[in-house]
Amino acid sequence: MDSEIVKRWIEAGKILGVNPTANILCPVCQQSFLKVQDVEIETDPLQIERHMSCDICGAYNALRMTVK
């Protein structure tokens, strides 16, 4: 993966980790805002996975987060 794309994913993760409703352009195609969905982890109720995906190019990444 291109280092610029990696940097954009990291920045997107930082922002969406704090504010899941932020409008962040896809780090890969930069044509659409990322869609965010939180998924509970059945084996650990204190954590979630925050899925980030692009409807245009299909790019995907996820964060594992502790629920506060």
PDB file of N, CA and C in Angstrom:
ATOM      1  N   MET A   1       0.849  -1.175   0.000  1.00  0.00           N
ATOM      2  CA  MET A   1       0.000   0.000   0.000  1.00  0.00           C
ATOM      3  C   MET A   1       0.894   1.237   0.000  1.00  0.00           C
ATOM      4  N   ASP A   2       0.521   2.205  -0.786  1.00  0.00           N
ATOM      5  CA  ASP A   2       1.239   3.469  -0.910  1.00  0.00           C
ATOM      6  C   ASP A   2       1.315   4.175   0.448  1.00  0.00           C
ATOM      7  N   SER A   3       2.478   4.762   0.758  1.00  0.00           N
ATOM      8  CA  SER A   3       2.668   5.394   2.071  1.00  0.00           C
ATOM      9  C   SER A   3       1.727   6.583   2.288  1.00  0.00           C
ATOM     10  N   GLU A   4       1.366   7.288   1.227  1.00  0.00           N
ATOM     11  CA  GLU A   4       0.418   8.404   1.364  1.00  0.00           C
ATOM     12  C   GLU A   4      -0.965   7.889   1.735  1.00  0.00           C
ATOM     13  N   ILE A   5      -1.352   6.771   1.152  1.00  0.00           N
ATOM     14  CA  ILE A   5      -2.649   6.169   1.485  1.00  0.00           C
ATOM     15  C   ILE A   5      -2.638   5.707   2.934  1.00  0.00           C
ATOM     16  N   VAL A   6      -1.542   5.105   3.366  1.00  0.00           N
ATOM     17  CA  VAL A   6      -1.424   4.669   4.768  1.00  0.00           C
ATOM     18  C   VAL A   6      -1.567   5.871   5.695  1.00  0.00           C
ATOM     19  N   LYS A   7      -0.902   6.965   5.380  1.00  0.00           N
ATOM     20  CA  LYS A   7      -1.002   8.175   6.202  1.00  0.00           C
ATOM     21  C   LYS A   7      -2.437   8.683   6.258  1.00  0.00           C
ATOM     22  N   ARG A   8      -3.142   8.641   5.114  1.00  0.00           N
ATOM     23  CA  ARG A   8      -4.536   9.100   5.085  1.00  0.00           C
ATOM     24  C   ARG A   8      -5.440   8.182   5.908  1.00  0.00           C
ATOM     25  N   TRP A   9      -5.176   6.852   5.869  1.00  0.00           N
ATOM     26  CA  TRP A   9      -5.960   5.926   6.702  1.00  0.00           C
ATOM     27  C   TRP A   9      -5.726   6.214   8.184  1.00  0.00           C
ATOM     28  N   ILE A  10      -4.486   6.459   8.560  1.00  0.00           N
ATOM     29  CA  ILE A  10      -4.174   6.751   9.965  1.00  0.00           C
ATOM     30  C   ILE A  10      -4.896   8.016  10.409  1.00  0.00           C
ATOM     31  N   GLU A  11      -4.850   9.044   9.589  1.00  0.00           N
ATOM     32  CA  GLU A  11      -5.534  10.297   9.926  1.00  0.00           C
ATOM     33  C   GLU A  11      -7.046  10.085  10.010  1.00  0.00           C
ATOM     34  N   ALA A  12      -7.607   9.330   9.079  1.00  0.00           N
ATOM     35  CA  ALA A  12      -9.043   9.024   9.111  1.00  0.00           C
ATOM     36  C   ALA A  12      -9.395   8.279  10.391  1.00  0.00           C
ATOM     37  N   GLY A  13      -8.575   7.310  10.767  1.00  0.00           N
ATOM     38  CA  GLY A  13      -8.818   6.547  11.985  1.00  0.00           C
ATOM     39  C   GLY A  13      -8.781   7.407  13.230  1.00  0.00           C
ATOM     40  N   LYS A  14      -7.842   8.344  13.276  1.00  0.00           N
ATOM     41  CA  LYS A  14      -7.747   9.244  14.427  1.00  0.00           C
ATOM     42  C   LYS A  14      -9.017  10.082  14.562  1.00  0.00           C
ATOM     43  N   ILE A  15      -9.476  10.617  13.443  1.00  0.00           N
ATOM     44  CA  ILE A  15     -10.659  11.482  13.474  1.00  0.00           C
ATOM     45  C   ILE A  15     -11.919  10.671  13.764  1.00  0.00           C
ATOM     46  N   LEU A  16     -12.104   9.567  13.030  1.00  0.00           N
ATOM     47  CA  LEU A  16     -13.314   8.764  13.199  1.00  0.00           C
ATOM     48  C   LEU A  16     -13.322   7.993  14.512  1.00  0.00           C
ATOM     49  N   GLY A  17     -12.159   7.796  15.106  1.00  0.00           N
ATOM     50  CA  GLY A  17     -12.102   7.179  16.421  1.00  0.00           C
ATOM     51  C   GLY A  17     -12.732   8.058  17.485  1.00  0.00           C
ATOM     52  N   VAL A  18     -12.647   9.367  17.288  1.00  0.00           N
ATOM     53  CA  VAL A  18     -13.218  10.328  18.225  1.00  0.00           C
ATOM     54  C   VAL A  18     -14.632  10.728  17.805  1.00  0.00           C
ATOM     55  N   ASN A  19     -14.831  10.918  16.498  1.00  0.00           N
ATOM     56  CA  ASN A  19     -16.111  11.409  15.982  1.00  0.00           C
ATOM     57  C   ASN A  19     -16.560  10.556  14.795  1.00  0.00           C
ATOM     58  N   PRO A  20     -17.367   9.528  15.036  1.00  0.00           N
ATOM     59  CA  PRO A  20     -17.769   8.628  13.954  1.00  0.00           C
ATOM     60  C   PRO A  20     -18.687   9.262  12.912  1.00  0.00           C
ATOM     61  N   THR A  21     -19.184  10.469  13.175  1.00  0.00           N
ATOM     62  CA  THR A  21     -20.057  11.136  12.205  1.00  0.00           C
ATOM     63  C   THR A  21     -19.299  12.142  11.334  1.00  0.00           C
ATOM     64  N   ALA A  22     -17.995  12.271  11.528  1.00  0.00           N
ATOM     65  CA  ALA A  22     -17.194  13.204  10.725  1.00  0.00           C
ATOM     66  C   ALA A  22     -17.209  12.777   9.255  1.00  0.00           C
ATOM     67  N   ASN A  23     -17.215  13.752   8.367  1.00  0.00           N
ATOM     68  CA  ASN A  23     -17.150  13.478   6.928  1.00  0.00           C
ATOM     69  C   ASN A  23     -15.691  13.401   6.506  1.00  0.00           C
ATOM     70  N   ILE A  24     -15.222  12.182   6.266  1.00  0.00           N
ATOM     71  CA  ILE A  24     -13.831  11.939   5.889  1.00  0.00           C
ATOM     72  C   ILE A  24     -13.815  11.294   4.511  1.00  0.00           C
ATOM     73  N   LEU A  25     -13.083  11.894   3.586  1.00  0.00           N
ATOM     74  CA  LEU A  25     -12.965  11.308   2.252  1.00  0.00           C
ATOM     75  C   LEU A  25     -12.208   9.993   2.307  1.00  0.00           C
ATOM     76  N   CYS A  26     -12.582   9.088   1.427  1.00  0.00           N
ATOM     77  CA  CYS A  26     -11.900   7.801   1.327  1.00  0.00           C
ATOM     78  C   CYS A  26     -10.405   8.034   1.116  1.00  0.00           C
ATOM     79  N   PRO A  27      -9.558   7.413   1.930  1.00  0.00           N
ATOM     80  CA  PRO A  27      -8.112   7.579   1.777  1.00  0.00           C
ATOM     81  C   PRO A  27      -7.568   7.017   0.466  1.00  0.00           C
ATOM     82  N   VAL A  28      -8.305   6.120  -0.169  1.00  0.00           N
ATOM     83  CA  VAL A  28      -7.821   5.483  -1.392  1.00  0.00           C
ATOM     84  C   VAL A  28      -8.247   6.267  -2.633  1.00  0.00           C
ATOM     85  N   CYS A  29      -9.562   6.411  -2.846  1.00  0.00           N
ATOM     86  CA  CYS A  29     -10.036   7.055  -4.084  1.00  0.00           C
ATOM     87  C   CYS A  29     -10.338   8.538  -3.912  1.00  0.00           C
ATOM     88  N   GLN A  30     -10.567   8.983  -2.702  1.00  0.00           N
ATOM     89  CA  GLN A  30     -10.899  10.372  -2.375  1.00  0.00           C
ATOM     90  C   GLN A  30     -12.090  10.891  -3.180  1.00  0.00           C
ATOM     91  N   GLN A  31     -13.044   9.995  -3.468  1.00  0.00           N
ATOM     92  CA  GLN A  31     -14.223  10.358  -4.249  1.00  0.00           C
ATOM     93  C   GLN A  31     -15.511  10.334  -3.426  1.00  0.00           C
ATOM     94  N   SER A  32     -15.467   9.728  -2.244  1.00  0.00           N
ATOM     95  CA  SER A  32     -16.667   9.552  -1.433  1.00  0.00           C
ATOM     96  C   SER A  32     -16.283   9.602   0.041  1.00  0.00           C
ATOM     97  N   PHE A  33     -17.246   9.986   0.871  1.00  0.00           N
ATOM     98  CA  PHE A  33     -17.008   9.962   2.310  1.00  0.00           C
ATOM     99  C   PHE A  33     -17.088   8.529   2.814  1.00  0.00           C
ATOM    100  N   LEU A  34     -16.263   8.221   3.804  1.00  0.00           N
ATOM    101  CA  LEU A  34     -16.276   6.887   4.396  1.00  0.00           C
ATOM    102  C   LEU A  34     -17.586   6.647   5.144  1.00  0.00           C
ATOM    103  N   LYS A  35     -18.088   5.433   5.031  1.00  0.00           N
ATOM    104  CA  LYS A  35     -19.249   4.988   5.793  1.00  0.00           C
ATOM    105  C   LYS A  35     -18.704   4.314   7.051  1.00  0.00           C
ATOM    106  N   VAL A  36     -19.299   4.611   8.203  1.00  0.00           N
ATOM    107  CA  VAL A  36     -18.818   4.083   9.482  1.00  0.00           C
ATOM    108  C   VAL A  36     -19.910   3.239  10.130  1.00  0.00           C
ATOM    109  N   GLN A  37     -19.506   2.067  10.608  1.00  0.00           N
ATOM    110  CA  GLN A  37     -20.439   1.192  11.316  1.00  0.00           C
ATOM    111  C   GLN A  37     -19.718   0.587  12.515  1.00  0.00           C
ATOM    112  N   ASP A  38     -20.336   0.698  13.688  1.00  0.00           N
ATOM    113  CA  ASP A  38     -19.786   0.083  14.893  1.00  0.00           C
ATOM    114  C   ASP A  38     -20.376  -1.312  15.061  1.00  0.00           C
ATOM    115  N   VAL A  39     -19.509  -2.275  15.339  1.00  0.00           N
ATOM    116  CA  VAL A  39     -19.925  -3.664  15.517  1.00  0.00           C
ATOM    117  C   VAL A  39     -19.453  -4.130  16.889  1.00  0.00           C
ATOM    118  N   GLU A  40     -20.399  -4.644  17.674  1.00  0.00           N
ATOM    119  CA  GLU A  40     -20.046  -5.162  18.994  1.00  0.00           C
ATOM    120  C   GLU A  40     -19.242  -6.445  18.853  1.00  0.00           C
ATOM    121  N   ILE A  41     -18.312  -6.646  19.767  1.00  0.00           N
ATOM    122  CA  ILE A  41     -17.515  -7.870  19.796  1.00  0.00           C
ATOM    123  C   ILE A  41     -18.138  -8.778  20.854  1.00  0.00           C
ATOM    124  N   GLU A  42     -18.694  -9.886  20.405  1.00  0.00           N
ATOM    125  CA  GLU A  42     -19.444 -10.774  21.299  1.00  0.00           C
ATOM    126  C   GLU A  42     -18.618 -11.283  22.472  1.00  0.00           C
ATOM    127  N   THR A  43     -17.358 -11.548  22.245  1.00  0.00           N
ATOM    128  CA  THR A  43     -16.517 -12.123  23.298  1.00  0.00           C
ATOM    129  C   THR A  43     -15.974 -11.090  24.276  1.00  0.00           C
ATOM    130  N   ASP A  44     -16.124  -9.801  23.944  1.00  0.00           N
ATOM    131  CA  ASP A  44     -15.632  -8.740  24.826  1.00  0.00           C
ATOM    132  C   ASP A  44     -16.591  -7.551  24.764  1.00  0.00           C
ATOM    133  N   PRO A  45     -17.556  -7.479  25.677  1.00  0.00           N
ATOM    134  CA  PRO A  45     -18.558  -6.411  25.632  1.00  0.00           C
ATOM    135  C   PRO A  45     -17.990  -5.016  25.885  1.00  0.00           C
ATOM    136  N   LEU A  46     -16.747  -4.922  26.292  1.00  0.00           N
ATOM    137  CA  LEU A  46     -16.132  -3.617  26.528  1.00  0.00           C
ATOM    138  C   LEU A  46     -15.434  -3.069  25.287  1.00  0.00           C
ATOM    139  N   GLN A  47     -15.491  -3.815  24.173  1.00  0.00           N
ATOM    140  CA  GLN A  47     -14.837  -3.352  22.948  1.00  0.00           C
ATOM    141  C   GLN A  47     -15.799  -3.408  21.765  1.00  0.00           C
ATOM    142  N   ILE A  48     -15.509  -2.554  20.781  1.00  0.00           N
ATOM    143  CA  ILE A  48     -16.223  -2.567  19.505  1.00  0.00           C
ATOM    144  C   ILE A  48     -15.199  -2.532  18.379  1.00  0.00           C
ATOM    145  N   GLU A  49     -15.634  -2.903  17.204  1.00  0.00           N
ATOM    146  CA  GLU A  49     -14.855  -2.655  15.993  1.00  0.00           C
ATOM    147  C   GLU A  49     -15.585  -1.569  15.220  1.00  0.00           C
ATOM    148  N   ARG A  50     -14.870  -0.531  14.846  1.00  0.00           N
ATOM    149  CA  ARG A  50     -15.430   0.547  14.038  1.00  0.00           C
ATOM    150  C   ARG A  50     -14.986   0.305  12.600  1.00  0.00           C
ATOM    151  N   HIS A  51     -15.932  -0.116  11.774  1.00  0.00           N
ATOM    152  CA  HIS A  51     -15.653  -0.420  10.375  1.00  0.00           C
ATOM    153  C   HIS A  51     -15.795   0.851   9.540  1.00  0.00           C
ATOM    154  N   MET A  52     -14.806   1.098   8.689  1.00  0.00           N
ATOM    155  CA  MET A  52     -14.805   2.265   7.803  1.00  0.00           C
ATOM    156  C   MET A  52     -14.698   1.747   6.375  1.00  0.00           C
ATOM    157  N   SER A  53     -15.650   2.145   5.525  1.00  0.00           N
ATOM    158  CA  SER A  53     -15.634   1.622   4.160  1.00  0.00           C
ATOM    159  C   SER A  53     -16.079   2.676   3.159  1.00  0.00           C
ATOM    160  N   CYS A  54     -15.649   2.472   1.922  1.00  0.00           N
ATOM    161  CA  CYS A  54     -15.981   3.368   0.814  1.00  0.00           C
ATOM    162  C   CYS A  54     -16.933   2.653  -0.139  1.00  0.00           C
ATOM    163  N   ASP A  55     -18.072   3.282  -0.417  1.00  0.00           N
ATOM    164  CA  ASP A  55     -19.046   2.704  -1.346  1.00  0.00           C
ATOM    165  C   ASP A  55     -18.590   2.785  -2.801  1.00  0.00           C
ATOM    166  N   ILE A  56     -17.654   3.665  -3.115  1.00  0.00           N
ATOM    167  CA  ILE A  56     -17.198   3.837  -4.501  1.00  0.00           C
ATOM    168  C   ILE A  56     -16.148   2.792  -4.878  1.00  0.00           C
ATOM    169  N   CYS A  57     -15.063   2.721  -4.118  1.00  0.00           N
ATOM    170  CA  CYS A  57     -13.948   1.842  -4.507  1.00  0.00           C
ATOM    171  C   CYS A  57     -13.848   0.565  -3.675  1.00  0.00           C
ATOM    172  N   GLY A  58     -14.631   0.480  -2.593  1.00  0.00           N
ATOM    173  CA  GLY A  58     -14.611  -0.722  -1.766  1.00  0.00           C
ATOM    174  C   GLY A  58     -13.505  -0.761  -0.726  1.00  0.00           C
ATOM    175  N   ALA A  59     -12.753   0.321  -0.586  1.00  0.00           N
ATOM    176  CA  ALA A  59     -11.685   0.351   0.421  1.00  0.00           C
ATOM    177  C   ALA A  59     -12.284   0.129   1.806  1.00  0.00           C
ATOM    178  N   TYR A  60     -11.528  -0.545   2.672  1.00  0.00           N
ATOM    179  CA  TYR A  60     -12.039  -0.908   3.994  1.00  0.00           C
ATOM    180  C   TYR A  60     -10.902  -0.915   5.011  1.00  0.00           C
ATOM    181  N   ASN A  61     -11.245  -0.506   6.220  1.00  0.00           N
ATOM    182  CA  ASN A  61     -10.336  -0.627   7.346  1.00  0.00           C
ATOM    183  C   ASN A  61     -11.177  -0.659   8.611  1.00  0.00           C
ATOM    184  N   ALA A  62     -10.586  -1.048   9.724  1.00  0.00           N
ATOM    185  CA  ALA A  62     -11.333  -1.123  10.978  1.00  0.00           C
ATOM    186  C   ALA A  62     -10.445  -0.734  12.148  1.00  0.00           C
ATOM    187  N   LEU A  63     -11.095  -0.206  13.172  1.00  0.00           N
ATOM    188  CA  LEU A  63     -10.439   0.112  14.437  1.00  0.00           C
ATOM    189  C   LEU A  63     -11.058  -0.760  15.515  1.00  0.00           C
ATOM    190  N   ARG A  64     -10.264  -1.268  16.424  1.00  0.00           N
ATOM    191  CA  ARG A  64     -10.797  -1.939  17.612  1.00  0.00           C
ATOM    192  C   ARG A  64     -10.682  -0.934  18.740  1.00  0.00           C
ATOM    193  N   MET A  65     -11.821  -0.680  19.402  1.00  0.00           N
ATOM    194  CA  MET A  65     -11.877   0.384  20.395  1.00  0.00           C
ATOM    195  C   MET A  65     -12.516  -0.100  21.685  1.00  0.00           C
ATOM    196  N   THR A  66     -12.083   0.478  22.797  1.00  0.00           N
ATOM    197  CA  THR A  66     -12.703   0.222  24.084  1.00  0.00           C
ATOM    198  C   THR A  66     -13.898   1.152  24.237  1.00  0.00           C
ATOM    199  N   VAL A  67     -15.027   0.591  24.666  1.00  0.00           N
ATOM    200  CA  VAL A  67     -16.239   1.375  24.881  1.00  0.00           C
ATOM    201  C   VAL A  67     -16.111   2.102  26.209  1.00  0.00           C
ATOM    202  N   LYS A  68     -16.471   3.372  26.202  1.00  0.00           N
ATOM    203  CA  LYS A  68     -16.374   4.164  27.436  1.00  0.00           C
ATOM    204  C   LYS A  68     -17.700   4.189  28.144  1.00  0.00           C
TER     205      LYS A  68
END
